PDB file of N, CA and C in Angstrom:
ATOM      1  N   MET A   1      16.920 167.428-199.051  1.00  0.00           N
ATOM      2  CA  MET A   1      17.070 168.867-198.913  1.00  0.00           C
ATOM      3  C   MET A   1      18.519 169.217-198.608  1.00  0.00           C
ATOM      4  N   LYS A   2      18.984 170.265-199.206  1.00  0.00           N
ATOM      5  CA  LYS A   2      20.328 170.731-198.915  1.00  0.00           C
ATOM      6  C   LYS A   2      20.335 171.474-197.584  1.00  0.00           C
ATOM      7  N   SER A   3      21.386 171.250-196.801  1.00  0.00           N
ATOM      8  CA  SER A   3      21.501 172.023-195.559  1.00  0.00           C
ATOM      9  C   SER A   3      22.174 173.351-195.886  1.00  0.00           C
ATOM     10  N   ARG A   4      21.732 174.362-195.210  1.00  0.00           N
ATOM     11  CA  ARG A   4      22.296 175.689-195.426  1.00  0.00           C
ATOM     12  C   ARG A   4      23.437 175.916-194.448  1.00  0.00           C
ATOM     13  N   ARG A   5      24.527 176.377-194.962  1.00  0.00           N
ATOM     14  CA  ARG A   5      25.657 176.728-194.115  1.00  0.00           C
ATOM     15  C   ARG A   5      25.647 178.229-193.927  1.00  0.00           C
ATOM     16  N   LYS A   6      25.829 178.618-192.699  1.00  0.00           N
ATOM     17  CA  LYS A   6      25.857 180.041-192.401  1.00  0.00           C
ATOM     18  C   LYS A   6      27.226 180.609-192.790  1.00  0.00           C
ATOM     19  N   VAL A   7      27.222 181.582-193.644  1.00  0.00           N
ATOM     20  CA  VAL A   7      28.455 182.217-194.074  1.00  0.00           C
ATOM     21  C   VAL A   7      28.784 183.323-193.080  1.00  0.00           C
ATOM     22  N   ILE A   8      30.001 183.282-192.569  1.00  0.00           N
ATOM     23  CA  ILE A   8      30.429 184.300-191.618  1.00  0.00           C
ATOM     24  C   ILE A   8      31.141 185.409-192.388  1.00  0.00           C
ATOM     25  N   VAL A   9      30.617 186.600-192.258  1.00  0.00           N
ATOM     26  CA  VAL A   9      31.182 187.762-192.929  1.00  0.00           C
ATOM     27  C   VAL A   9      31.576 188.775-191.864  1.00  0.00           C
ATOM     28  N   SER A  10      32.763 189.301-191.977  1.00  0.00           N
ATOM     29  CA  SER A  10      33.196 190.325-191.036  1.00  0.00           C
ATOM     30  C   SER A  10      32.684 191.686-191.488  1.00  0.00           C
ATOM     31  N   LYS A  11      32.273 192.481-190.531  1.00  0.00           N
ATOM     32  CA  LYS A  11      31.791 193.838-190.806  1.00  0.00           C
ATOM     33  C   LYS A  11      32.760 194.837-190.185  1.00  0.00           C
ATOM     34  N   ARG A  12      32.847 195.980-190.791  1.00  0.00           N
ATOM     35  CA  ARG A  12      33.695 197.045-190.262  1.00  0.00           C
ATOM     36  C   ARG A  12      32.817 198.109-189.615  1.00  0.00           C
ATOM     37  N   ILE A  13      33.304 198.631-188.500  1.00  0.00           N
ATOM     38  CA  ILE A  13      32.641 199.761-187.861  1.00  0.00           C
ATOM     39  C   ILE A  13      33.702 200.789-187.506  1.00  0.00           C
ATOM     40  N   SER A  14      33.253 201.976-187.262  1.00  0.00           N
ATOM     41  CA  SER A  14      34.155 203.036-186.837  1.00  0.00           C
ATOM     42  C   SER A  14      33.670 203.553-185.494  1.00  0.00           C
ATOM     43  N   VAL A  15      34.573 203.665-184.546  1.00  0.00           N
ATOM     44  CA  VAL A  15      34.204 204.170-183.227  1.00  0.00           C
ATOM     45  C   VAL A  15      35.167 205.285-182.830  1.00  0.00           C
ATOM     46  N   SER A  16      34.692 206.161-182.005  1.00  0.00           N
ATOM     47  CA  SER A  16      35.535 207.219-181.449  1.00  0.00           C
ATOM     48  C   SER A  16      35.714 206.950-179.968  1.00  0.00           C
ATOM     49  N   ILE A  17      36.956 207.001-179.516  1.00  0.00           N
ATOM     50  CA  ILE A  17      37.264 206.784-178.104  1.00  0.00           C
ATOM     51  C   ILE A  17      38.192 207.895-177.619  1.00  0.00           C
ATOM     52  N   PRO A  18      38.147 208.165-176.326  1.00  0.00           N
ATOM     53  CA  PRO A  18      39.036 209.195-175.785  1.00  0.00           C
ATOM     54  C   PRO A  18      40.509 208.827-175.985  1.00  0.00           C
ATOM     55  N   ASP A  19      41.353 209.843-176.072  1.00  0.00           N
ATOM     56  CA  ASP A  19      42.788 209.630-176.269  1.00  0.00           C
ATOM     57  C   ASP A  19      43.388 208.695-175.219  1.00  0.00           C
ATOM     58  N   LEU A  20      43.032 208.900-173.958  1.00  0.00           N
ATOM     59  CA  LEU A  20      43.601 208.080-172.900  1.00  0.00           C
ATOM     60  C   LEU A  20      43.202 206.614-173.062  1.00  0.00           C
ATOM     61  N   THR A  21      41.964 206.361-173.442  1.00  0.00           N
ATOM     62  CA  THR A  21      41.515 204.994-173.674  1.00  0.00           C
ATOM     63  C   THR A  21      42.286 204.379-174.839  1.00  0.00           C
ATOM     64  N   HIS A  22      42.496 205.144-175.874  1.00  0.00           N
ATOM     65  CA  HIS A  22      43.264 204.667-177.026  1.00  0.00           C
ATOM     66  C   HIS A  22      44.686 204.299-176.601  1.00  0.00           C
ATOM     67  N   GLU A  23      45.308 205.156-175.823  1.00  0.00           N
ATOM     68  CA  GLU A  23      46.678 204.888-175.363  1.00  0.00           C
ATOM     69  C   GLU A  23      46.739 203.599-174.536  1.00  0.00           C
ATOM     70  N   LYS A  24      45.759 203.419-173.654  1.00  0.00           N
ATOM     71  CA  LYS A  24      45.734 202.219-172.815  1.00  0.00           C
ATOM     72  C   LYS A  24      45.503 200.967-173.646  1.00  0.00           C
ATOM     73  N   LEU A  25      44.575 201.047-174.597  1.00  0.00           N
ATOM     74  CA  LEU A  25      44.323 199.903-175.472  1.00  0.00           C
ATOM     75  C   LEU A  25      45.549 199.575-176.322  1.00  0.00           C
ATOM     76  N   GLN A  26      46.234 200.597-176.795  1.00  0.00           N
ATOM     77  CA  GLN A  26      47.432 200.369-177.603  1.00  0.00           C
ATOM     78  C   GLN A  26      48.518 199.682-176.774  1.00  0.00           C
ATOM     79  N   ARG A  27      48.684 200.127-175.521  1.00  0.00           N
ATOM     80  CA  ARG A  27      49.658 199.476-174.625  1.00  0.00           C
ATOM     81  C   ARG A  27      49.283 198.017-174.416  1.00  0.00           C
ATOM     82  N   TRP A  28      47.993 197.756-174.189  1.00  0.00           N
ATOM     83  CA  TRP A  28      47.503 196.405-173.975  1.00  0.00           C
ATOM     84  C   TRP A  28      47.773 195.540-175.215  1.00  0.00           C
ATOM     85  N   ALA A  29      47.471 196.082-176.384  1.00  0.00           N
ATOM     86  CA  ALA A  29      47.715 195.353-177.631  1.00  0.00           C
ATOM     87  C   ALA A  29      49.203 195.034-177.784  1.00  0.00           C
ATOM     88  N   ASP A  30      50.043 196.001-177.464  1.00  0.00           N
ATOM     89  CA  ASP A  30      51.493 195.780-177.555  1.00  0.00           C
ATOM     90  C   ASP A  30      51.934 194.655-176.622  1.00  0.00           C
ATOM     91  N   ILE A  31      51.399 194.660-175.397  1.00  0.00           N
ATOM     92  CA  ILE A  31      51.730 193.614-174.420  1.00  0.00           C
ATOM     93  C   ILE A  31      51.293 192.243-174.940  1.00  0.00           C
ATOM     94  N   GLU A  32      50.102 192.198-175.554  1.00  0.00           N
ATOM     95  CA  GLU A  32      49.551 190.941-176.066  1.00  0.00           C
ATOM     96  C   GLU A  32      50.190 190.514-177.387  1.00  0.00           C
ATOM     97  N   GLY A  33      50.952 191.406-177.986  1.00  0.00           N
ATOM     98  CA  GLY A  33      51.585 191.087-179.263  1.00  0.00           C
ATOM     99  C   GLY A  33      50.617 191.073-180.427  1.00  0.00           C
ATOM    100  N   THR A  34      49.612 191.923-180.361  1.00  0.00           N
ATOM    101  CA  THR A  34      48.619 192.012-181.426  1.00  0.00           C
ATOM    102  C   THR A  34      48.430 193.468-181.812  1.00  0.00           C
ATOM    103  N   ASN A  35      47.569 193.706-182.772  1.00  0.00           N
ATOM    104  CA  ASN A  35      47.314 195.108-183.129  1.00  0.00           C
ATOM    105  C   ASN A  35      46.041 195.591-182.432  1.00  0.00           C
ATOM    106  N   LEU A  36      45.870 196.873-182.424  1.00  0.00           N
ATOM    107  CA  LEU A  36      44.764 197.498-181.715  1.00  0.00           C
ATOM    108  C   LEU A  36      43.403 197.045-182.251  1.00  0.00           C
ATOM    109  N   ALA A  37      43.261 196.950-183.554  1.00  0.00           N
ATOM    110  CA  ALA A  37      41.981 196.542-184.144  1.00  0.00           C
ATOM    111  C   ALA A  37      41.605 195.124-183.717  1.00  0.00           C
ATOM    112  N   ASP A  38      42.567 194.206-183.717  1.00  0.00           N
ATOM    113  CA  ASP A  38      42.273 192.829-183.312  1.00  0.00           C
ATOM    114  C   ASP A  38      41.912 192.747-181.834  1.00  0.00           C
ATOM    115  N   LEU A  39      42.598 193.513-180.993  1.00  0.00           N
ATOM    116  CA  LEU A  39      42.273 193.532-179.570  1.00  0.00           C
ATOM    117  C   LEU A  39      40.862 194.087-179.364  1.00  0.00           C
ATOM    118  N   ALA A  40      40.539 195.183-180.033  1.00  0.00           N
ATOM    119  CA  ALA A  40      39.207 195.786-179.896  1.00  0.00           C
ATOM    120  C   ALA A  40      38.127 194.813-180.373  1.00  0.00           C
ATOM    121  N   SER A  41      38.374 194.120-181.464  1.00  0.00           N
ATOM    122  CA  SER A  41      37.424 193.141-181.980  1.00  0.00           C
ATOM    123  C   SER A  41      37.204 192.027-180.967  1.00  0.00           C
ATOM    124  N   TYR A  42      38.276 191.521-180.398  1.00  0.00           N
ATOM    125  CA  TYR A  42      38.173 190.468-179.384  1.00  0.00           C
ATOM    126  C   TYR A  42      37.364 190.945-178.177  1.00  0.00           C
ATOM    127  N   LEU A  43      37.659 192.151-177.692  1.00  0.00           N
ATOM    128  CA  LEU A  43      36.961 192.673-176.514  1.00  0.00           C
ATOM    129  C   LEU A  43      35.467 192.852-176.789  1.00  0.00           C
ATOM    130  N   LEU A  44      35.121 193.325-177.965  1.00  0.00           N
ATOM    131  CA  LEU A  44      33.708 193.486-178.315  1.00  0.00           C
ATOM    132  C   LEU A  44      33.001 192.136-178.390  1.00  0.00           C
ATOM    133  N   ARG A  45      33.641 191.141-179.037  1.00  0.00           N
ATOM    134  CA  ARG A  45      33.035 189.796-179.106  1.00  0.00           C
ATOM    135  C   ARG A  45      32.833 189.229-177.709  1.00  0.00           C
ATOM    136  N   ARG A  46      33.833 189.398-176.843  1.00  0.00           N
ATOM    137  CA  ARG A  46      33.746 188.869-175.479  1.00  0.00           C
ATOM    138  C   ARG A  46      32.604 189.521-174.716  1.00  0.00           C
ATOM    139  N   GLU A  47      32.449 190.812-174.833  1.00  0.00           N
ATOM    140  CA  GLU A  47      31.372 191.515-174.119  1.00  0.00           C
ATOM    141  C   GLU A  47      29.999 191.108-174.638  1.00  0.00           C
ATOM    142  N   VAL A  48      29.869 190.867-175.924  1.00  0.00           N
ATOM    143  CA  VAL A  48      28.594 190.401-176.477  1.00  0.00           C
ATOM    144  C   VAL A  48      28.262 189.025-175.909  1.00  0.00           C
ATOM    145  N   GLU A  49      29.257 188.133-175.852  1.00  0.00           N
ATOM    146  CA  GLU A  49      29.031 186.794-175.289  1.00  0.00           C
ATOM    147  C   GLU A  49      28.616 186.882-173.823  1.00  0.00           C
ATOM    148  N   ILE A  50      29.246 187.762-173.065  1.00  0.00           N
ATOM    149  CA  ILE A  50      28.898 187.933-171.649  1.00  0.00           C
ATOM    150  C   ILE A  50      27.470 188.455-171.526  1.00  0.00           C
ATOM    151  N   ALA A  51      27.108 189.435-172.340  1.00  0.00           N
ATOM    152  CA  ALA A  51      25.746 189.990-172.298  1.00  0.00           C
ATOM    153  C   ALA A  51      24.716 188.911-172.616  1.00  0.00           C
ATOM    154  N   GLU A  52      25.031 188.035-173.566  1.00  0.00           N
ATOM    155  CA  GLU A  52      24.116 186.937-173.892  1.00  0.00           C
ATOM    156  C   GLU A  52      23.975 185.987-172.706  1.00  0.00           C
ATOM    157  N   LYS A  53      25.096 185.618-172.102  1.00  0.00           N
ATOM    158  CA  LYS A  53      25.072 184.683-170.975  1.00  0.00           C
ATOM    159  C   LYS A  53      24.311 185.259-169.783  1.00  0.00           C
ATOM    160  N   GLU A  54      24.408 186.553-169.585  1.00  0.00           N
ATOM    161  CA  GLU A  54      23.732 187.211-168.464  1.00  0.00           C
ATOM    162  C   GLU A  54      22.271 187.532-168.780  1.00  0.00           C
ATOM    163  N   GLY A  55      21.838 187.257-169.995  1.00  0.00           N
ATOM    164  CA  GLY A  55      20.454 187.508-170.366  1.00  0.00           C
ATOM    165  C   GLY A  55      20.153 188.941-170.758  1.00  0.00           C
ATOM    166  N   ARG A  56      21.177 189.758-170.900  1.00  0.00           N
ATOM    167  CA  ARG A  56      20.962 191.148-171.306  1.00  0.00           C
ATOM    168  C   ARG A  56      20.791 191.274-172.811  1.00  0.00           C
ATOM    169  N   LEU A  57      21.151 190.211-173.535  1.00  0.00           N
ATOM    170  CA  LEU A  57      21.060 190.213-174.987  1.00  0.00           C
ATOM    171  C   LEU A  57      20.699 188.805-175.428  1.00  0.00           C
ATOM    172  N   LYS A  58      19.639 188.685-176.209  1.00  0.00           N
ATOM    173  CA  LYS A  58      19.255 187.365-176.705  1.00  0.00           C
ATOM    174  C   LYS A  58      20.193 186.957-177.831  1.00  0.00           C
ATOM    175  N   SER A  59      20.594 185.690-177.819  1.00  0.00           N
ATOM    176  CA  SER A  59      21.435 185.178-178.890  1.00  0.00           C
ATOM    177  C   SER A  59      20.584 185.012-180.143  1.00  0.00           C
ATOM    178  N   PRO A  60      21.206 184.957-181.324  1.00  0.00           N
ATOM    179  CA  PRO A  60      20.426 184.761-182.558  1.00  0.00           C
ATOM    180  C   PRO A  60      19.594 183.478-182.514  1.00  0.00           C
ATOM    181  N   GLU A  61      20.110 182.414-181.869  1.00  0.00           N
ATOM    182  CA  GLU A  61      19.368 181.161-181.766  1.00  0.00           C
ATOM    183  C   GLU A  61      18.095 181.350-180.950  1.00  0.00           C
ATOM    184  N   GLU A  62      18.188 182.074-179.837  1.00  0.00           N
ATOM    185  CA  GLU A  62      17.009 182.326-178.993  1.00  0.00           C
ATOM    186  C   GLU A  62      15.968 183.139-179.745  1.00  0.00           C
ATOM    187  N   LYS A  63      16.421 184.132-180.501  1.00  0.00           N
ATOM    188  CA  LYS A  63      15.507 184.962-181.271  1.00  0.00           C
ATOM    189  C   LYS A  63      14.781 184.123-182.318  1.00  0.00           C
ATOM    190  N   ALA A  64      15.521 183.261-183.005  1.00  0.00           N
ATOM    191  CA  ALA A  64      14.924 182.409-184.034  1.00  0.00           C
ATOM    192  C   ALA A  64      13.906 181.466-183.416  1.00  0.00           C
ATOM    193  N   ASN A  65      14.228 180.883-182.264  1.00  0.00           N
ATOM    194  CA  ASN A  65      13.306 179.975-181.600  1.00  0.00           C
ATOM    195  C   ASN A  65      12.034 180.709-181.177  1.00  0.00           C
ATOM    196  N   ASN A  66      12.154 181.909-180.675  1.00  0.00           N
ATOM    197  CA  ASN A  66      10.982 182.692-180.271  1.00  0.00           C
ATOM    198  C   ASN A  66      10.100 183.017-181.468  1.00  0.00           C
ATOM    199  N   ASN A  67      10.731 183.315-182.607  1.00  0.00           N
ATOM    200  CA  ASN A  67       9.967 183.655-183.806  1.00  0.00           C
ATOM    201  C   ASN A  67       9.224 182.445-184.352  1.00  0.00           C
ATOM    202  N   THR A  68       9.790 181.247-184.271  1.00  0.00           N
ATOM    203  CA  THR A  68       9.128 180.062-184.798  1.00  0.00           C
ATOM    204  C   THR A  68       8.040 179.565-183.857  1.00  0.00           C
ATOM    205  N   GLN A  69       8.105 179.917-182.590  1.00  0.00           N
ATOM    206  CA  GLN A  69       7.093 179.483-181.621  1.00  0.00           C
ATOM    207  C   GLN A  69       5.842 180.349-181.681  1.00  0.00           C
ATOM    208  N   ASN A  70       5.937 181.531-182.236  1.00  0.00           N
ATOM    209  CA  ASN A  70       4.781 182.445-182.297  1.00  0.00           C
ATOM    210  C   ASN A  70       3.886 182.148-183.460  1.00  0.00           C
TER     211      ASN A  70
END
């Protein structure tokens, strides 16, 4: 049997944030030497990982295991 490789595809979203938050994020991105979109992407990924670790969000692996056990 062939093993399936999971293809990672990036998705785009659009969000609205207050002006002050945008200014602060832009300053942070400038300090880090990156652009605002990359910083926002990193922060979102980090928060999702934290939510998974804290049990507030099931990881895809946990969901798959629950579905196969039922």
